[in-house]
Amino acid sequence: MKTRHWTLVAVLPAMLLGACSGPGKPSLGKPVQPAVVNVANNGFADVTVYVLQSGMRWRLGTVTGLSRGRFPLRFSHDVGDVYLLADPVGGARGYLSPAVRVQPGTAVDLRLHTTLSMSSVSVWGH
């Protein structure tokens, strides 16, 4: 009889903690893939790449001329629509992409050209 009592005392708190964990928790076995921005800078100028969302601007990094860069987008929730800004270092005019829908696991390709206004962006789903 005492054995059952101690087993119940040991198991009951574990059951209560499991019930309080709440819904919507991601599975521990399958991590969420961050979205990725791949930048191909085909121009000669170095550019700093930013993400713009809801009036906020986050710096991703700098990509030197005639090179490539890869930047993860780590957000705590589904991202939604963002804009990418390529700002040339020491230059006058940058490139602002159209709105891009980004979710975890999405790959965004930003192709920058010598004439930044001719640059393009594409999105690849997960």
Protein backbone atom coordinates (compact mmCIF):
# COMPACT_ATOMS: atom_id res chain seq x y z
CA MET A 1 0.00 0.00 0.00
CA LYS A 2 2.81 2.48 0.81
CA THR A 3 4.50 1.70 -2.52
CA ARG A 4 1.46 2.88 -4.47
CA HIS A 5 1.28 6.10 -2.48
CA TRP A 6 4.90 7.04 -3.25
CA THR A 7 4.46 6.16 -6.92
CA LEU A 8 1.43 8.45 -7.14
CA VAL A 9 3.32 11.26 -5.39
CA ALA A 10 6.21 10.90 -7.87
CA VAL A 11 4.06 10.66 -11.02
CA LEU A 12 1.41 13.30 -10.24
CA PRO A 13 3.74 16.37 -10.40
CA ALA A 14 5.17 15.17 -13.73
CA MET A 15 1.66 14.81 -15.14
CA LEU A 16 0.67 18.28 -13.93
CA LEU A 17 3.78 19.90 -15.43
CA GLY A 18 3.09 18.21 -18.76
CA ALA A 19 -0.48 19.52 -18.76
CA CYS A 20 0.72 23.08 -18.05
CA SER A 21 3.17 23.22 -20.91
CA GLY A 22 0.52 24.72 -23.20
CA PRO A 23 -0.39 24.08 -26.84
CA GLY A 24 1.59 25.15 -29.87
CA LYS A 25 5.04 24.17 -28.70
CA PRO A 26 7.28 23.08 -31.59
CA SER A 27 8.36 19.48 -31.64
CA LEU A 28 11.81 18.93 -30.18
CA GLY A 29 12.60 16.40 -32.89
CA LYS A 30 12.14 18.77 -35.84
CA PRO A 31 13.85 22.20 -35.59
CA VAL A 32 12.35 25.16 -37.45
CA GLN A 33 14.49 26.13 -40.45
CA PRO A 34 15.29 29.85 -40.60
CA ALA A 35 14.57 31.78 -43.75
CA VAL A 36 17.72 32.56 -45.77
CA VAL A 37 18.66 35.56 -47.92
CA ASN A 38 21.17 34.73 -50.67
CA VAL A 39 22.78 37.82 -52.20
CA ALA A 40 24.64 37.78 -55.53
CA ASN A 41 26.40 41.12 -55.94
CA ASN A 42 27.23 41.34 -59.66
CA GLY A 43 28.26 45.00 -59.36
CA PHE A 44 31.59 46.51 -58.40
CA ALA A 45 30.43 48.46 -55.34
CA ASP A 46 30.20 46.93 -51.88
CA VAL A 47 26.63 46.94 -50.53
CA THR A 48 25.10 46.68 -47.09
CA VAL A 49 21.90 44.62 -47.06
CA TYR A 50 19.02 45.38 -44.71
CA VAL A 51 15.59 43.86 -44.00
CA LEU A 52 12.72 46.30 -43.53
CA GLN A 53 9.51 45.29 -41.78
CA SER A 54 6.86 47.35 -40.02
CA GLY A 55 8.97 50.50 -40.14
CA MET A 56 12.01 48.77 -38.60
CA ARG A 57 15.34 48.14 -40.32
CA TRP A 58 17.72 45.25 -39.48
CA ARG A 59 21.20 44.97 -40.93
CA LEU A 60 21.97 41.57 -42.43
CA GLY A 61 25.55 42.28 -43.51
CA THR A 62 27.83 43.59 -46.24
CA VAL A 63 28.52 41.91 -49.57
CA THR A 64 31.62 43.08 -51.42
CA GLY A 65 31.59 43.72 -55.16
CA LEU A 66 31.52 40.70 -57.46
CA SER A 67 30.85 38.27 -54.60
CA ARG A 68 28.06 36.45 -52.78
CA GLY A 69 26.65 36.46 -49.29
CA ARG A 70 24.23 34.28 -47.33
CA PHE A 71 22.32 35.57 -44.32
CA PRO A 72 19.85 33.69 -42.09
CA LEU A 73 16.65 35.43 -41.01
CA ARG A 74 15.83 34.33 -37.49
CA PHE A 75 12.51 35.52 -36.17
CA SER A 76 10.45 34.23 -33.26
CA HIS A 77 7.28 33.99 -35.38
CA ASP A 78 6.19 33.75 -39.00
CA VAL A 79 7.79 36.74 -40.64
CA GLY A 80 5.29 37.78 -43.31
CA ASP A 81 6.00 40.61 -45.76
CA VAL A 82 9.44 42.23 -45.71
CA TYR A 83 11.47 44.47 -48.00
CA LEU A 84 15.16 44.11 -48.78
CA LEU A 85 17.33 47.21 -49.07
CA ALA A 86 20.74 47.12 -50.77
CA ASP A 87 22.62 50.28 -49.80
CA PRO A 88 25.90 50.85 -51.70
CA VAL A 89 28.82 51.78 -49.44
CA GLY A 90 29.72 55.37 -50.33
CA GLY A 91 27.06 55.43 -53.07
CA ALA A 92 24.02 57.56 -53.61
CA ARG A 93 21.09 55.34 -54.67
CA GLY A 94 20.25 51.93 -53.34
CA TYR A 95 17.81 49.19 -54.33
CA LEU A 96 14.56 48.61 -52.45
CA SER A 97 12.85 45.34 -53.35
CA PRO A 98 9.11 44.93 -53.67
CA ALA A 99 7.34 43.29 -50.72
CA VAL A 100 8.46 39.69 -50.28
CA ARG A 101 6.52 37.03 -48.31
CA VAL A 102 8.96 35.21 -46.02
CA GLN A 103 8.25 32.23 -43.77
CA PRO A 104 10.51 29.79 -41.92
CA GLY A 105 12.37 27.66 -44.46
CA THR A 106 11.99 30.19 -47.30
CA ALA A 107 14.98 31.09 -49.49
CA VAL A 108 15.14 34.62 -50.89
CA ASP A 109 17.54 35.34 -53.78
CA LEU A 110 18.62 38.95 -54.20
CA ARG A 111 20.55 39.63 -57.43
CA LEU A 112 22.27 42.99 -57.52
CA HIS A 113 23.55 44.54 -60.74
CA THR A 114 25.95 47.40 -61.48
CA THR A 115 22.87 49.54 -62.11
CA LEU A 116 21.07 48.77 -58.85
CA SER A 117 17.66 49.77 -60.21
CA MET A 118 17.87 46.73 -62.52
CA SER A 119 18.30 44.31 -59.59
CA SER A 120 15.79 41.57 -58.82
CA VAL A 121 14.50 39.44 -55.99
CA SER A 122 12.89 35.99 -56.04
CA VAL A 123 11.43 33.76 -53.33
CA TRP A 124 11.65 29.97 -53.13
CA GLY A 125 9.16 28.25 -50.83
CA HIS A 126 9.87 25.49 -48.37
